[in-house]
Amino acid sequence: MKLIIFWIIAISKLSATPDWATKINETYLGSNEKTYATFLTDTDNQGSYYEWREIKKLVEYSKQDGSVINSNIISDILYTIDANHNNPNKPPQVKRKIQNQNKDILLAEVLTTFHIPLIPANKPEWISRLEWINGSIMLDKKLTVVSKNILKGLKIPIDLISTEPVKKSILKVHSDPESFYLVIKVETETDYNSYVLHISEEITKQLRNRINLLKEYVFIKSFKTLTEANKFGLEIIKKSQSKNFYGFNPEIWLTDDGKEKKYALLHRPLALPIDPEKIKRLDASTGINSSILKSDHFIEKWIPYDPNTPPPGADETEDDEQAPDDLLKEPIK
């Protein structure tokens, strides 16, 4: 409330009569597997210093294509400031007139439909690696995080959106297991609006991979297909473990040097610079003479995975359930 009063008072210093202006602030609420929800607050100054209208909406979006699935007005309130207030030691009285209120949407329903983040949103370090390039937001000048077409959906000219560096334009970053959500600031003539931008599951996966990308890896072997790289990776895991070596940390990266695309099977070191002694142990367990490979041409990552392998502990749980009672008792001494 105090922020809105300050906003109106700040505008009043610029002109005798305020222009009719609206302000949009979108706040990330939560998500589930298929959708995410925001609170959208639309504030209209009514062309007055002493009155403004505030409409709050609960908006649900599709994670698949960003389309609006549901948009419901929660409240429509008219605020009025006492125009005769002249006491500088007290804030002016603000009256509320509820013009519309949706009582069908229950807080309990909202909280159970969408998972609400427990950790407050922040601005992670990788935000500084984002740049405006040709109207899109890119990471390290390689990965398009937010395309120009998505930004056009905000119905704000690109030149207004990109007036500040991305690091300043992004206010917060939310996340769930599948996606990132950027709260982006868009400057207006008198203030700024804020919008929640959903980053698709595919781009989020690539973004998370690149955020944690090392400068160097241990190169094992390259392949033409992901299937071949995955199969060989599983074989190397078994081979190294059979020789009592459990330090193999495999990753498969699609690489593109401008001439050819390959799938590289790699070992991710625990620290840089890479310890030569640990590489000798790795080579001895795999039977392969590895080498060091820089990550300049890395694009996307996978972990070797066998879908037919049961999760850890699955066999033990099943055996316990089927075991006779006498086998579950302490052996007789």
C-alpha atoms as a PDB file:
ATOM      1  CA  MET A   1       0.000   0.000   0.000  1.00  0.00           C
ATOM      2  CA  LYS A   2       2.771   2.431   0.953  1.00  0.00           C
ATOM      3  CA  LEU A   3       4.544   1.704  -2.322  1.00  0.00           C
ATOM      4  CA  ILE A   4       1.456   2.645  -4.311  1.00  0.00           C
ATOM      5  CA  ILE A   5       1.031   5.872  -2.361  1.00  0.00           C
ATOM      6  CA  PHE A   6       4.673   6.720  -2.979  1.00  0.00           C
ATOM      7  CA  TRP A   7       4.201   5.970  -6.698  1.00  0.00           C
ATOM      8  CA  ILE A   8       1.271   8.369  -6.931  1.00  0.00           C
ATOM      9  CA  ILE A   9       3.000  11.093  -4.921  1.00  0.00           C
ATOM     10  CA  ALA A  10       6.141  10.764  -7.066  1.00  0.00           C
ATOM     11  CA  ILE A  11       4.099  11.294 -10.225  1.00  0.00           C
ATOM     12  CA  SER A  12       2.347  14.306  -8.707  1.00  0.00           C
ATOM     13  CA  LYS A  13       5.663  16.164  -8.509  1.00  0.00           C
ATOM     14  CA  LEU A  14       6.130  15.956 -12.242  1.00  0.00           C
ATOM     15  CA  SER A  15       2.955  17.676 -13.430  1.00  0.00           C
ATOM     16  CA  ALA A  16      -0.110  19.514 -12.196  1.00  0.00           C
ATOM     17  CA  THR A  17      -2.432  16.877 -13.643  1.00  0.00           C
ATOM     18  CA  PRO A  18      -1.332  13.260 -13.885  1.00  0.00           C
ATOM     19  CA  ASP A  19      -1.613  11.350 -17.131  1.00  0.00           C
ATOM     20  CA  TRP A  20      -3.880   8.344 -17.119  1.00  0.00           C
ATOM     21  CA  ALA A  21      -1.468   5.458 -16.467  1.00  0.00           C
ATOM     22  CA  THR A  22      -1.602   1.752 -15.672  1.00  0.00           C
ATOM     23  CA  LYS A  23       0.974  -0.457 -13.996  1.00  0.00           C
ATOM     24  CA  ILE A  24       1.226  -4.239 -14.288  1.00  0.00           C
ATOM     25  CA  ASN A  25       3.062  -6.419 -11.785  1.00  0.00           C
ATOM     26  CA  GLU A  26       3.086 -10.186 -12.194  1.00  0.00           C
ATOM     27  CA  THR A  27       4.187 -12.370  -9.281  1.00  0.00           C
ATOM     28  CA  TYR A  28       5.113 -16.035  -9.612  1.00  0.00           C
ATOM     29  CA  LEU A  29       2.922 -18.167  -7.350  1.00  0.00           C
ATOM     30  CA  GLY A  30       3.723 -21.838  -7.988  1.00  0.00           C
ATOM     31  CA  SER A  31       3.532 -24.705 -10.453  1.00  0.00           C
ATOM     32  CA  ASN A  32       2.657 -28.335 -11.034  1.00  0.00           C
ATOM     33  CA  GLU A  33       3.687 -30.798 -13.756  1.00  0.00           C
ATOM     34  CA  LYS A  34       1.661 -29.181 -16.549  1.00  0.00           C
ATOM     35  CA  THR A  35       0.929 -25.583 -15.543  1.00  0.00           C
ATOM     36  CA  TYR A  36       2.166 -22.635 -13.503  1.00  0.00           C
ATOM     37  CA  ALA A  37       0.278 -19.804 -11.833  1.00  0.00           C
ATOM     38  CA  THR A  38       0.863 -16.111 -11.196  1.00  0.00           C
ATOM     39  CA  PHE A  39      -0.845 -13.230  -9.444  1.00  0.00           C
ATOM     40  CA  LEU A  40      -1.233 -10.350 -11.864  1.00  0.00           C
ATOM     41  CA  THR A  41      -1.932  -6.939 -10.335  1.00  0.00           C
ATOM     42  CA  ASP A  42      -3.214  -4.265 -12.706  1.00  0.00           C
ATOM     43  CA  THR A  43      -3.132  -0.794 -11.114  1.00  0.00           C
ATOM     44  CA  ASP A  44      -4.921   2.118 -12.790  1.00  0.00           C
ATOM     45  CA  ASN A  45      -4.293   5.635 -11.423  1.00  0.00           C
ATOM     46  CA  GLN A  46      -7.675   6.817 -12.794  1.00  0.00           C
ATOM     47  CA  GLY A  47      -5.985  10.046 -13.947  1.00  0.00           C
ATOM     48  CA  SER A  48      -5.970  11.241 -10.341  1.00  0.00           C
ATOM     49  CA  TYR A  49      -3.577  11.744  -7.443  1.00  0.00           C
ATOM     50  CA  TYR A  50      -6.205  10.697  -4.915  1.00  0.00           C
ATOM     51  CA  GLU A  51      -7.789   7.600  -6.415  1.00  0.00           C
ATOM     52  CA  TRP A  52      -6.627   4.394  -8.060  1.00  0.00           C
ATOM     53  CA  ARG A  53      -8.122   1.063  -8.993  1.00  0.00           C
ATOM     54  CA  GLU A  54      -6.369  -2.247  -8.314  1.00  0.00           C
ATOM     55  CA  ILE A  55      -7.445  -5.464 -10.057  1.00  0.00           C
ATOM     56  CA  LYS A  56      -5.859  -8.741  -8.972  1.00  0.00           C
ATOM     57  CA  LYS A  57      -6.061 -11.815 -11.174  1.00  0.00           C
ATOM     58  CA  LEU A  58      -5.065 -15.442 -10.701  1.00  0.00           C
ATOM     59  CA  VAL A  59      -3.642 -16.555 -14.050  1.00  0.00           C
ATOM     60  CA  GLU A  60      -2.803 -20.149 -14.973  1.00  0.00           C
ATOM     61  CA  TYR A  61      -0.486 -20.837 -17.925  1.00  0.00           C
ATOM     62  CA  SER A  62       0.398 -23.954 -19.881  1.00  0.00           C
ATOM     63  CA  LYS A  63       4.010 -25.076 -19.476  1.00  0.00           C
ATOM     64  CA  GLN A  64       3.912 -26.553 -22.962  1.00  0.00           C
ATOM     65  CA  ASP A  65       3.235 -23.416 -25.002  1.00  0.00           C
ATOM     66  CA  GLY A  66       2.753 -20.568 -22.505  1.00  0.00           C
ATOM     67  CA  SER A  67      -0.919 -20.099 -23.383  1.00  0.00           C
ATOM     68  CA  VAL A  68      -3.374 -18.837 -20.758  1.00  0.00           C
ATOM     69  CA  ILE A  69      -5.530 -21.707 -19.458  1.00  0.00           C
ATOM     70  CA  ASN A  70      -7.484 -19.755 -16.847  1.00  0.00           C
ATOM     71  CA  SER A  71      -7.621 -16.109 -15.828  1.00  0.00           C
ATOM     72  CA  ASN A  72      -9.885 -15.166 -12.942  1.00  0.00           C
ATOM     73  CA  ILE A  73     -10.360 -11.801 -11.252  1.00  0.00           C
ATOM     74  CA  ILE A  74      -9.833 -12.287  -7.521  1.00  0.00           C
ATOM     75  CA  SER A  75     -10.590  -8.735  -6.472  1.00  0.00           C
ATOM     76  CA  ASP A  76     -11.373  -5.318  -7.931  1.00  0.00           C
ATOM     77  CA  ILE A  77     -10.792  -2.573  -5.358  1.00  0.00           C
ATOM     78  CA  LEU A  78     -11.026   1.209  -5.644  1.00  0.00           C
ATOM     79  CA  TYR A  79      -8.656   3.072  -3.284  1.00  0.00           C
ATOM     80  CA  THR A  80      -9.225   6.712  -2.308  1.00  0.00           C
ATOM     81  CA  ILE A  81      -6.850   9.020  -0.430  1.00  0.00           C
ATOM     82  CA  ASP A  82      -8.200  11.816   1.751  1.00  0.00           C
ATOM     83  CA  ALA A  83      -7.696  14.869  -0.473  1.00  0.00           C
ATOM     84  CA  ASN A  84      -8.056  17.209   2.514  1.00  0.00           C
ATOM     85  CA  HIS A  85      -5.266  15.628   4.529  1.00  0.00           C
ATOM     86  CA  ASN A  86      -2.726  18.271   5.627  1.00  0.00           C
ATOM     87  CA  ASN A  87      -0.942  16.728   8.639  1.00  0.00           C
ATOM     88  CA  PRO A  88       2.696  15.985   7.653  1.00  0.00           C
ATOM     89  CA  ASN A  89       3.163  13.842  10.776  1.00  0.00           C
ATOM     90  CA  LYS A  90       0.623  11.231   9.734  1.00  0.00           C
ATOM     91  CA  PRO A  91       0.011   9.332   6.489  1.00  0.00           C
ATOM     92  CA  PRO A  92      -3.257  10.229   4.759  1.00  0.00           C
ATOM     93  CA  GLN A  93      -6.245   7.981   5.327  1.00  0.00           C
ATOM     94  CA  VAL A  94      -6.869   5.474   2.549  1.00  0.00           C
ATOM     95  CA  LYS A  95     -10.353   4.087   2.007  1.00  0.00           C
ATOM     96  CA  ARG A  96     -11.160   0.894   0.104  1.00  0.00           C
ATOM     97  CA  LYS A  97     -14.249   0.174  -1.911  1.00  0.00           C
ATOM     98  CA  ILE A  98     -14.525  -3.489  -2.969  1.00  0.00           C
ATOM     99  CA  GLN A  99     -16.156  -3.427  -6.396  1.00  0.00           C
ATOM    100  CA  ASN A 100     -15.776  -7.140  -7.126  1.00  0.00           C
ATOM    101  CA  GLN A 101     -14.597 -10.124  -5.110  1.00  0.00           C
ATOM    102  CA  ASN A 102     -14.357 -13.744  -6.244  1.00  0.00           C
ATOM    103  CA  LYS A 103     -15.226 -16.007  -3.323  1.00  0.00           C
ATOM    104  CA  ASP A 104     -15.325 -19.192  -5.407  1.00  0.00           C
ATOM    105  CA  ILE A 105     -11.528 -19.525  -5.572  1.00  0.00           C
ATOM    106  CA  LEU A 106     -10.339 -20.856  -2.229  1.00  0.00           C
ATOM    107  CA  LEU A 107      -6.815 -20.414  -0.881  1.00  0.00           C
ATOM    108  CA  ALA A 108      -6.742 -24.098   0.108  1.00  0.00           C
ATOM    109  CA  GLU A 109      -7.511 -25.081  -3.483  1.00  0.00           C
ATOM    110  CA  VAL A 110      -4.775 -22.836  -4.866  1.00  0.00           C
ATOM    111  CA  LEU A 111      -2.173 -24.152  -2.413  1.00  0.00           C
ATOM    112  CA  THR A 112      -2.955 -27.786  -3.229  1.00  0.00           C
ATOM    113  CA  THR A 113      -3.154 -27.263  -6.991  1.00  0.00           C
ATOM    114  CA  PHE A 114       0.219 -25.503  -7.265  1.00  0.00           C
ATOM    115  CA  HIS A 115       3.406 -26.313  -5.411  1.00  0.00           C
ATOM    116  CA  ILE A 116       4.534 -23.142  -3.656  1.00  0.00           C
ATOM    117  CA  PRO A 117       8.345 -22.745  -3.457  1.00  0.00           C
ATOM    118  CA  LEU A 118       9.788 -23.021   0.053  1.00  0.00           C
ATOM    119  CA  ILE A 119      13.023 -21.222  -0.853  1.00  0.00           C
ATOM    120  CA  PRO A 120      12.768 -17.489  -1.620  1.00  0.00           C
ATOM    121  CA  ALA A 121      13.615 -16.452  -5.171  1.00  0.00           C
ATOM    122  CA  ASN A 122      17.022 -14.901  -5.789  1.00  0.00           C
ATOM    123  CA  LYS A 123      19.296 -13.650  -8.554  1.00  0.00           C
ATOM    124  CA  PRO A 124      21.843 -16.418  -9.171  1.00  0.00           C
ATOM    125  CA  GLU A 125      25.358 -15.752 -10.432  1.00  0.00           C
ATOM    126  CA  TRP A 126      24.637 -17.015 -13.951  1.00  0.00           C
ATOM    127  CA  ILE A 127      22.300 -14.071 -14.570  1.00  0.00           C
ATOM    128  CA  SER A 128      25.417 -11.987 -15.225  1.00  0.00           C
ATOM    129  CA  ARG A 129      26.199 -14.274 -18.173  1.00  0.00           C
ATOM    130  CA  LEU A 130      22.976 -13.323 -19.982  1.00  0.00           C
ATOM    131  CA  GLU A 131      22.940 -10.704 -22.742  1.00  0.00           C
ATOM    132  CA  TRP A 132      20.521  -9.013 -25.120  1.00  0.00           C
ATOM    133  CA  ILE A 133      21.430 -10.184 -28.643  1.00  0.00           C
ATOM    134  CA  ASN A 134      19.199  -9.233 -31.590  1.00  0.00           C
ATOM    135  CA  GLY A 135      16.186  -8.866 -29.301  1.00  0.00           C
ATOM    136  CA  SER A 136      16.667 -12.247 -27.578  1.00  0.00           C
ATOM    137  CA  ILE A 137      18.190 -13.168 -24.220  1.00  0.00           C
ATOM    138  CA  MET A 138      21.225 -15.456 -24.621  1.00  0.00           C
ATOM    139  CA  LEU A 139      23.601 -17.221 -22.249  1.00  0.00           C
ATOM    140  CA  ASP A 140      27.308 -16.981 -23.106  1.00  0.00           C
ATOM    141  CA  LYS A 141      26.285 -15.846 -26.613  1.00  0.00           C
ATOM    142  CA  LYS A 142      25.479 -19.505 -27.375  1.00  0.00           C
ATOM    143  CA  LEU A 143      22.151 -20.558 -25.862  1.00  0.00           C
ATOM    144  CA  THR A 144      18.922 -18.652 -26.588  1.00  0.00           C
ATOM    145  CA  VAL A 145      17.148 -18.569 -23.229  1.00  0.00           C
ATOM    146  CA  VAL A 146      14.240 -16.271 -24.213  1.00  0.00           C
ATOM    147  CA  SER A 147      13.495 -15.742 -27.893  1.00  0.00           C
ATOM    148  CA  LYS A 148      12.432 -12.488 -29.502  1.00  0.00           C
ATOM    149  CA  ASN A 149       9.005 -13.996 -30.290  1.00  0.00           C
ATOM    150  CA  ILE A 150       8.292 -14.661 -26.599  1.00  0.00           C
ATOM    151  CA  LEU A 151       9.309 -11.128 -25.677  1.00  0.00           C
ATOM    152  CA  LYS A 152       7.007  -9.743 -28.373  1.00  0.00           C
ATOM    153  CA  GLY A 153       4.157 -11.435 -26.523  1.00  0.00           C
ATOM    154  CA  LEU A 154       4.561  -8.828 -23.792  1.00  0.00           C
ATOM    155  CA  LYS A 155       3.216  -6.253 -26.288  1.00  0.00           C
ATOM    156  CA  ILE A 156       6.060  -3.911 -25.387  1.00  0.00           C
ATOM    157  CA  PRO A 157       8.540  -2.683 -28.017  1.00  0.00           C
ATOM    158  CA  ILE A 158      11.833  -4.585 -27.869  1.00  0.00           C
ATOM    159  CA  ASP A 159      13.782  -1.316 -27.578  1.00  0.00           C
ATOM    160  CA  LEU A 160      11.958  -0.582 -24.299  1.00  0.00           C
ATOM    161  CA  ILE A 161      12.568  -4.078 -22.906  1.00  0.00           C
ATOM    162  CA  SER A 162      16.291  -4.041 -23.635  1.00  0.00           C
ATOM    163  CA  THR A 163      17.156  -0.544 -22.378  1.00  0.00           C
ATOM    164  CA  GLU A 164      19.053  -2.042 -19.415  1.00  0.00           C
ATOM    165  CA  PRO A 165      21.471  -4.980 -19.139  1.00  0.00           C
ATOM    166  CA  VAL A 166      19.712  -8.293 -18.562  1.00  0.00           C
ATOM    167  CA  LYS A 167      21.194  -8.507 -15.067  1.00  0.00           C
ATOM    168  CA  LYS A 168      19.271  -5.354 -14.086  1.00  0.00           C
ATOM    169  CA  SER A 169      16.150  -6.237 -16.057  1.00  0.00           C
ATOM    170  CA  ILE A 170      15.672  -9.572 -14.271  1.00  0.00           C
ATOM    171  CA  LEU A 171      14.321  -8.998 -10.771  1.00  0.00           C
ATOM    172  CA  LYS A 172      14.055 -12.607  -9.543  1.00  0.00           C
ATOM    173  CA  VAL A 173      14.508 -16.202 -10.704  1.00  0.00           C
ATOM    174  CA  HIS A 174      12.113 -18.947  -9.577  1.00  0.00           C
ATOM    175  CA  SER A 175      12.471 -22.624 -10.400  1.00  0.00           C
ATOM    176  CA  ASP A 176      10.824 -26.020 -10.136  1.00  0.00           C
ATOM    177  CA  PRO A 177      12.189 -29.449 -11.173  1.00  0.00           C
ATOM    178  CA  GLU A 178      11.335 -28.808 -14.842  1.00  0.00           C
ATOM    179  CA  SER A 179      11.634 -25.092 -15.454  1.00  0.00           C
ATOM    180  CA  PHE A 180      13.063 -21.683 -14.644  1.00  0.00           C
ATOM    181  CA  TYR A 181      10.819 -18.609 -14.333  1.00  0.00           C
ATOM    182  CA  LEU A 182      12.327 -15.163 -14.876  1.00  0.00           C
ATOM    183  CA  VAL A 183      10.632 -12.109 -13.374  1.00  0.00           C
ATOM    184  CA  ILE A 184      11.581  -9.399 -15.864  1.00  0.00           C
ATOM    185  CA  LYS A 185      11.270  -5.654 -15.466  1.00  0.00           C
ATOM    186  CA  VAL A 186      10.049  -3.569 -18.403  1.00  0.00           C
ATOM    187  CA  GLU A 187      10.628   0.171 -18.112  1.00  0.00           C
ATOM    188  CA  THR A 188       7.753   2.550 -18.863  1.00  0.00           C
ATOM    189  CA  GLU A 189       7.684   6.359 -19.056  1.00  0.00           C
ATOM    190  CA  THR A 190       6.832   6.786 -15.365  1.00  0.00           C
ATOM    191  CA  ASP A 191       7.712   3.466 -13.723  1.00  0.00           C
ATOM    192  CA  TYR A 192       8.089  -0.173 -14.752  1.00  0.00           C
ATOM    193  CA  ASN A 193       5.952  -3.252 -15.290  1.00  0.00           C
ATOM    194  CA  SER A 194       7.001  -6.775 -14.339  1.00  0.00           C
ATOM    195  CA  TYR A 195       6.209 -10.069 -16.063  1.00  0.00           C
ATOM    196  CA  VAL A 196       6.908 -13.745 -15.372  1.00  0.00           C
ATOM    197  CA  LEU A 197       8.643 -15.498 -18.276  1.00  0.00           C
ATOM    198  CA  HIS A 198       8.520 -19.301 -18.304  1.00  0.00           C
ATOM    199  CA  ILE A 199      11.614 -21.063 -19.666  1.00  0.00           C
ATOM    200  CA  SER A 200      10.637 -24.335 -21.371  1.00  0.00           C
ATOM    201  CA  GLU A 201      11.718 -27.701 -19.976  1.00  0.00           C
ATOM    202  CA  GLU A 202      14.045 -28.269 -22.944  1.00  0.00           C
ATOM    203  CA  ILE A 203      15.778 -24.885 -22.629  1.00  0.00           C
ATOM    204  CA  THR A 204      15.909 -25.173 -18.829  1.00  0.00           C
ATOM    205  CA  LYS A 205      17.732 -28.509 -19.154  1.00  0.00           C
ATOM    206  CA  GLN A 206      20.283 -26.963 -21.519  1.00  0.00           C
ATOM    207  CA  LEU A 207      20.578 -23.887 -19.307  1.00  0.00           C
ATOM    208  CA  ARG A 208      21.253 -25.961 -16.189  1.00  0.00           C
ATOM    209  CA  ASN A 209      23.835 -27.982 -18.111  1.00  0.00           C
ATOM    210  CA  ARG A 210      25.674 -24.871 -19.253  1.00  0.00           C
ATOM    211  CA  ILE A 211      25.509 -23.206 -15.847  1.00  0.00           C
ATOM    212  CA  ASN A 212      27.508 -26.116 -14.406  1.00  0.00           C
ATOM    213  CA  LEU A 213      29.782 -26.585 -17.429  1.00  0.00           C
ATOM    214  CA  LEU A 214      33.484 -27.014 -16.612  1.00  0.00           C
ATOM    215  CA  LYS A 215      36.268 -25.635 -18.785  1.00  0.00           C
ATOM    216  CA  GLU A 216      37.920 -29.047 -19.184  1.00  0.00           C
ATOM    217  CA  TYR A 217      36.840 -32.706 -19.125  1.00  0.00           C
ATOM    218  CA  VAL A 218      38.534 -36.082 -19.462  1.00  0.00           C
ATOM    219  CA  PHE A 219      37.786 -37.386 -22.972  1.00  0.00           C
ATOM    220  CA  ILE A 220      37.091 -41.138 -23.320  1.00  0.00           C
ATOM    221  CA  LYS A 221      35.679 -41.649 -26.828  1.00  0.00           C
ATOM    222  CA  SER A 222      33.337 -40.007 -29.365  1.00  0.00           C
ATOM    223  CA  PHE A 223      30.417 -41.492 -31.301  1.00  0.00           C
ATOM    224  CA  LYS A 224      28.082 -40.555 -34.141  1.00  0.00           C
ATOM    225  CA  THR A 225      24.915 -41.279 -32.154  1.00  0.00           C
ATOM    226  CA  LEU A 226      23.725 -40.804 -28.579  1.00  0.00           C
ATOM    227  CA  THR A 227      22.642 -44.462 -28.438  1.00  0.00           C
ATOM    228  CA  GLU A 228      26.185 -45.655 -29.158  1.00  0.00           C
ATOM    229  CA  ALA A 229      27.698 -43.289 -26.599  1.00  0.00           C
ATOM    230  CA  ASN A 230      25.164 -44.347 -23.953  1.00  0.00           C
ATOM    231  CA  LYS A 231      25.780 -48.062 -24.564  1.00  0.00           C
ATOM    232  CA  PHE A 232      29.561 -47.698 -24.364  1.00  0.00           C
ATOM    233  CA  GLY A 233      29.266 -45.533 -21.267  1.00  0.00           C
ATOM    234  CA  LEU A 234      27.299 -48.259 -19.451  1.00  0.00           C
ATOM    235  CA  GLU A 235      29.925 -50.818 -20.449  1.00  0.00           C
ATOM    236  CA  ILE A 236      32.736 -48.643 -19.107  1.00  0.00           C
ATOM    237  CA  ILE A 237      30.886 -48.133 -15.806  1.00  0.00           C
ATOM    238  CA  LYS A 238      30.607 -51.917 -15.323  1.00  0.00           C
ATOM    239  CA  LYS A 239      34.200 -52.503 -16.390  1.00  0.00           C
ATOM    240  CA  SER A 240      35.660 -49.892 -14.034  1.00  0.00           C
ATOM    241  CA  GLN A 241      33.544 -51.082 -11.097  1.00  0.00           C
ATOM    242  CA  SER A 242      34.594 -54.694 -11.729  1.00  0.00           C
ATOM    243  CA  LYS A 243      38.151 -53.490 -11.073  1.00  0.00           C
ATOM    244  CA  ASN A 244      36.995 -51.824  -7.848  1.00  0.00           C
ATOM    245  CA  PHE A 245      37.162 -48.293  -9.299  1.00  0.00           C
ATOM    246  CA  TYR A 246      34.064 -46.221  -8.495  1.00  0.00           C
ATOM    247  CA  GLY A 247      35.433 -42.783  -9.377  1.00  0.00           C
ATOM    248  CA  PHE A 248      34.210 -42.756 -12.986  1.00  0.00           C
ATOM    249  CA  ASN A 249      31.793 -39.817 -13.315  1.00  0.00           C
ATOM    250  CA  PRO A 250      30.435 -40.159 -16.883  1.00  0.00           C
ATOM    251  CA  GLU A 251      28.720 -37.505 -18.993  1.00  0.00           C
ATOM    252  CA  ILE A 252      27.805 -37.486 -22.665  1.00  0.00           C
ATOM    253  CA  TRP A 253      28.011 -34.138 -24.447  1.00  0.00           C
ATOM    254  CA  LEU A 254      26.900 -33.260 -27.953  1.00  0.00           C
ATOM    255  CA  THR A 255      29.785 -31.308 -29.480  1.00  0.00           C
ATOM    256  CA  ASP A 256      29.854 -29.146 -32.600  1.00  0.00           C
ATOM    257  CA  ASP A 257      33.111 -27.638 -33.845  1.00  0.00           C
ATOM    258  CA  GLY A 258      31.484 -26.201 -36.973  1.00  0.00           C
ATOM    259  CA  LYS A 259      32.562 -29.156 -39.099  1.00  0.00           C
ATOM    260  CA  GLU A 260      31.008 -32.179 -37.436  1.00  0.00           C
ATOM    261  CA  LYS A 261      28.618 -33.027 -34.601  1.00  0.00           C
ATOM    262  CA  LYS A 262      29.639 -35.839 -32.269  1.00  0.00           C
ATOM    263  CA  TYR A 263      28.594 -37.349 -28.963  1.00  0.00           C
ATOM    264  CA  ALA A 264      31.576 -37.370 -26.611  1.00  0.00           C
ATOM    265  CA  LEU A 265      31.766 -39.757 -23.667  1.00  0.00           C
ATOM    266  CA  LEU A 266      33.607 -37.929 -20.889  1.00  0.00           C
ATOM    267  CA  HIS A 267      34.630 -38.134 -17.278  1.00  0.00           C
ATOM    268  CA  ARG A 268      33.676 -35.097 -15.217  1.00  0.00           C
ATOM    269  CA  PRO A 269      36.502 -34.342 -12.755  1.00  0.00           C
ATOM    270  CA  LEU A 270      35.600 -33.378  -9.217  1.00  0.00           C
ATOM    271  CA  ALA A 271      37.940 -30.391  -9.365  1.00  0.00           C
ATOM    272  CA  LEU A 272      40.124 -28.378 -11.711  1.00  0.00           C
ATOM    273  CA  PRO A 273      42.965 -28.558 -12.545  1.00  0.00           C
ATOM    274  CA  ILE A 274      42.566 -32.263 -13.320  1.00  0.00           C
ATOM    275  CA  ASP A 275      44.699 -34.506 -11.099  1.00  0.00           C
ATOM    276  CA  PRO A 276      47.009 -36.652 -13.312  1.00  0.00           C
ATOM    277  CA  GLU A 277      47.176 -39.430 -10.694  1.00  0.00           C
ATOM    278  CA  LYS A 278      43.391 -39.843 -10.724  1.00  0.00           C
ATOM    279  CA  ILE A 279      43.446 -40.013 -14.522  1.00  0.00           C
ATOM    280  CA  LYS A 280      45.995 -42.839 -14.373  1.00  0.00           C
ATOM    281  CA  ARG A 281      43.651 -44.793 -12.087  1.00  0.00           C
ATOM    282  CA  LEU A 282      40.744 -44.120 -14.444  1.00  0.00           C
ATOM    283  CA  ASP A 283      42.737 -45.283 -17.481  1.00  0.00           C
ATOM    284  CA  ALA A 284      43.848 -48.430 -15.669  1.00  0.00           C
ATOM    285  CA  SER A 285      40.254 -49.335 -14.815  1.00  0.00           C
ATOM    286  CA  THR A 286      38.799 -48.633 -18.272  1.00  0.00           C
ATOM    287  CA  GLY A 287      41.694 -49.800 -20.421  1.00  0.00           C
ATOM    288  CA  ILE A 288      41.504 -46.570 -22.437  1.00  0.00           C
ATOM    289  CA  ASN A 289      44.144 -43.881 -22.780  1.00  0.00           C
ATOM    290  CA  SER A 290      42.105 -40.751 -22.058  1.00  0.00           C
ATOM    291  CA  SER A 291      42.966 -37.148 -22.897  1.00  0.00           C
ATOM    292  CA  ILE A 292      41.952 -33.643 -21.838  1.00  0.00           C
ATOM    293  CA  LEU A 293      39.190 -31.920 -23.850  1.00  0.00           C
ATOM    294  CA  LYS A 294      38.137 -28.274 -23.541  1.00  0.00           C
ATOM    295  CA  SER A 295      34.400 -27.588 -23.455  1.00  0.00           C
ATOM    296  CA  ASP A 296      34.380 -24.735 -26.011  1.00  0.00           C
ATOM    297  CA  HIS A 297      32.142 -26.638 -28.446  1.00  0.00           C
ATOM    298  CA  PHE A 298      29.832 -28.403 -25.977  1.00  0.00           C
ATOM    299  CA  ILE A 299      26.085 -28.028 -26.626  1.00  0.00           C
ATOM    300  CA  GLU A 300      23.914 -30.444 -24.616  1.00  0.00           C
ATOM    301  CA  LYS A 301      24.472 -33.077 -21.910  1.00  0.00           C
ATOM    302  CA  TRP A 302      23.160 -36.541 -21.022  1.00  0.00           C
ATOM    303  CA  ILE A 303      24.069 -39.053 -18.319  1.00  0.00           C
ATOM    304  CA  PRO A 304      24.524 -42.725 -19.366  1.00  0.00           C
ATOM    305  CA  TYR A 305      21.322 -44.472 -18.349  1.00  0.00           C
ATOM    306  CA  ASP A 306      19.844 -47.974 -18.565  1.00  0.00           C
ATOM    307  CA  PRO A 307      16.026 -47.804 -18.332  1.00  0.00           C
ATOM    308  CA  ASN A 308      15.886 -51.524 -17.485  1.00  0.00           C
ATOM    309  CA  THR A 309      17.977 -51.154 -14.338  1.00  0.00           C
ATOM    310  CA  PRO A 310      15.776 -51.093 -11.197  1.00  0.00           C
ATOM    311  CA  PRO A 311      16.230 -48.146  -8.832  1.00  0.00           C
ATOM    312  CA  PRO A 312      18.611 -48.624  -5.880  1.00  0.00           C
ATOM    313  CA  GLY A 313      17.035 -50.657  -3.107  1.00  0.00           C
ATOM    314  CA  ALA A 314      14.164 -51.952  -5.256  1.00  0.00           C
ATOM    315  CA  ASP A 315      15.299 -55.589  -5.108  1.00  0.00           C
ATOM    316  CA  GLU A 316      15.914 -55.477  -1.376  1.00  0.00           C
ATOM    317  CA  THR A 317      12.447 -54.046  -0.693  1.00  0.00           C
ATOM    318  CA  GLU A 318      10.761 -56.684  -2.820  1.00  0.00           C
ATOM    319  CA  ASP A 319      12.720 -59.487  -1.120  1.00  0.00           C
ATOM    320  CA  ASP A 320      11.779 -58.188   2.328  1.00  0.00           C
ATOM    321  CA  GLU A 321       8.092 -58.165   1.444  1.00  0.00           C
ATOM    322  CA  GLN A 322       8.189 -61.744   0.131  1.00  0.00           C
ATOM    323  CA  ALA A 323      10.529 -63.224   2.770  1.00  0.00           C
ATOM    324  CA  PRO A 324       9.048 -65.671   5.327  1.00  0.00           C
ATOM    325  CA  ASP A 325       8.679 -64.341   8.850  1.00  0.00           C
ATOM    326  CA  ASP A 326      11.375 -66.635  10.259  1.00  0.00           C
ATOM    327  CA  LEU A 327      13.960 -65.165   7.874  1.00  0.00           C
ATOM    328  CA  LEU A 328      13.293 -61.695   9.199  1.00  0.00           C
ATOM    329  CA  LYS A 329      14.133 -62.698  12.769  1.00  0.00           C
ATOM    330  CA  GLU A 330      17.555 -62.516  14.333  1.00  0.00           C
ATOM    331  CA  PRO A 331      19.498 -65.747  13.740  1.00  0.00           C
ATOM    332  CA  ILE A 332      19.639 -68.133  16.689  1.00  0.00           C
ATOM    333  CA  LYS A 333      23.063 -68.314  18.257  1.00  0.00           C
END
